[in-house]
């Protein structure tokens, strides 16, 4: 039950959104037990993000929410993959990207909780 939300200061075309969705779908497999089959993605572009007191450069804030726990090594690899994706697809530098992880004990779907 992973969820990835990406907020960016740059525009995301429909084509880029499809690419990001597919790349995040592969990236989530960096975390053991997670697959694209359960991944939900959200993209918000043209956000007004200020980073280090500046909003003139491309920036991104990404949240990754997971059911259960993940080991630190997997999360660090995931951060690298996310930063690479955003740099290649949207020209957002890794040093202008924050990635936040949230591990959830309870997650609901289809009238029930896992």
Protein backbone atom coordinates (compact mmCIF):
# COMPACT_ATOMS: atom_id res chain seq x y z
CA UNK A 1 0.00 0.00 0.00
CA UNK A 2 2.53 2.62 -0.95
CA UNK A 3 1.58 6.18 -1.86
CA UNK A 4 3.90 8.71 -3.47
CA UNK A 5 3.03 12.39 -3.65
CA UNK A 6 5.33 14.73 -5.57
CA UNK A 7 5.04 18.51 -5.40
CA UNK A 8 7.20 20.41 -7.85
CA UNK A 9 7.82 24.02 -8.78
CA UNK A 10 7.93 23.09 -12.46
CA UNK A 11 5.15 22.17 -14.87
CA UNK A 12 4.47 18.51 -15.52
CA UNK A 13 3.04 17.65 -18.91
CA UNK A 14 0.67 14.69 -19.28
CA UNK A 15 3.51 12.78 -20.99
CA UNK A 16 5.93 13.54 -18.15
CA UNK A 17 3.28 12.51 -15.61
CA UNK A 18 2.92 9.14 -17.34
CA UNK A 19 6.72 8.73 -17.31
CA UNK A 20 6.95 9.67 -13.63
CA UNK A 21 4.15 7.27 -12.73
CA UNK A 22 5.91 4.41 -14.54
CA UNK A 23 9.31 5.27 -13.07
CA UNK A 24 7.92 5.58 -9.53
CA UNK A 25 6.21 2.22 -10.13
CA UNK A 26 9.60 0.63 -10.75
CA UNK A 27 11.26 2.64 -7.97
CA UNK A 28 8.86 1.41 -5.28
CA UNK A 29 10.24 -2.09 -5.77
CA UNK A 30 13.44 -0.77 -4.14
CA UNK A 31 11.55 -1.33 -0.89
CA UNK A 32 11.09 -5.06 -0.18
CA UNK A 33 7.49 -6.22 -0.45
CA UNK A 34 6.26 -3.12 -2.31
CA UNK A 35 5.05 -3.18 -5.92
CA UNK A 36 3.37 -0.94 -8.45
CA UNK A 37 0.28 -3.15 -8.20
CA UNK A 38 -0.72 -1.28 -5.00
CA UNK A 39 0.98 2.07 -5.66
CA UNK A 40 -1.03 5.30 -5.73
CA UNK A 41 0.69 8.42 -7.11
CA UNK A 42 -0.23 12.07 -6.90
CA UNK A 43 1.48 14.90 -8.79
CA UNK A 44 1.11 18.60 -8.02
CA UNK A 45 3.02 20.90 -10.31
CA UNK A 46 3.69 24.65 -10.32
CA UNK A 47 3.77 24.69 -6.51
CA UNK A 48 5.21 27.71 -4.75
CA UNK A 49 8.00 26.04 -2.79
CA UNK A 50 10.66 28.10 -1.07
CA UNK A 51 13.90 26.28 -0.34
CA UNK A 52 16.79 27.92 1.49
CA UNK A 53 14.91 31.22 1.24
CA UNK A 54 14.74 31.02 -2.55
CA UNK A 55 11.98 30.08 -4.97
CA UNK A 56 13.74 30.93 -8.24
CA UNK A 57 15.19 27.44 -8.81
CA UNK A 58 13.37 24.16 -9.52
CA UNK A 59 12.53 22.29 -6.33
CA UNK A 60 10.51 19.26 -5.23
CA UNK A 61 8.98 17.83 -2.09
CA UNK A 62 8.10 14.13 -2.21
CA UNK A 63 6.21 12.09 0.37
CA UNK A 64 6.37 8.31 0.40
CA UNK A 65 3.85 6.59 2.67
CA UNK A 66 4.10 2.89 3.40
CA UNK A 67 2.08 0.27 5.23
CA UNK A 68 4.49 -1.23 7.73
CA UNK A 69 8.19 -0.66 8.19
CA UNK A 70 11.10 -0.50 5.78
CA UNK A 71 14.81 -0.76 6.53
CA UNK A 72 17.01 2.34 6.37
CA UNK A 73 19.13 1.03 3.49
CA UNK A 74 16.05 0.52 1.29
CA UNK A 75 14.78 4.01 2.08
CA UNK A 76 18.16 5.55 1.30
CA UNK A 77 18.28 3.74 -2.05
CA UNK A 78 14.72 4.92 -2.72
CA UNK A 79 15.73 8.52 -2.04
CA UNK A 80 18.53 8.21 -4.59
CA UNK A 81 16.18 6.72 -7.18
CA UNK A 82 13.55 9.43 -6.63
CA UNK A 83 16.16 12.20 -6.88
CA UNK A 84 17.55 10.66 -10.10
CA UNK A 85 14.06 10.43 -11.61
CA UNK A 86 13.23 14.05 -10.83
CA UNK A 87 16.59 15.26 -12.13
CA UNK A 88 16.31 13.35 -15.42
CA UNK A 89 12.61 13.93 -16.06
CA UNK A 90 12.09 17.45 -14.70
CA UNK A 91 15.60 18.91 -14.31
CA UNK A 92 15.13 19.29 -10.56
CA UNK A 93 18.52 18.96 -8.83
CA UNK A 94 18.87 16.40 -6.04
CA UNK A 95 20.07 19.15 -3.71
CA UNK A 96 16.73 20.95 -4.23
CA UNK A 97 14.63 17.87 -3.39
CA UNK A 98 13.29 16.70 -0.05
CA UNK A 99 11.92 13.17 0.38
CA UNK A 100 9.85 12.34 3.46
CA UNK A 101 8.92 8.82 4.53
CA UNK A 102 5.97 7.87 6.67
CA UNK A 103 5.42 4.33 7.86
CA UNK A 104 1.83 3.55 8.80
CA UNK A 105 0.58 0.77 11.04
CA UNK A 106 -3.02 1.00 9.81
CA UNK A 107 -4.14 1.36 6.21
CA UNK A 108 -7.68 1.05 4.92
CA UNK A 109 -8.94 -0.11 1.54
CA UNK A 110 -12.15 -1.57 0.15
CA UNK A 111 -14.19 -1.27 3.36
CA UNK A 112 -11.52 -2.87 5.54
CA UNK A 113 -8.11 -2.31 7.09
CA UNK A 114 -4.97 -4.30 6.44
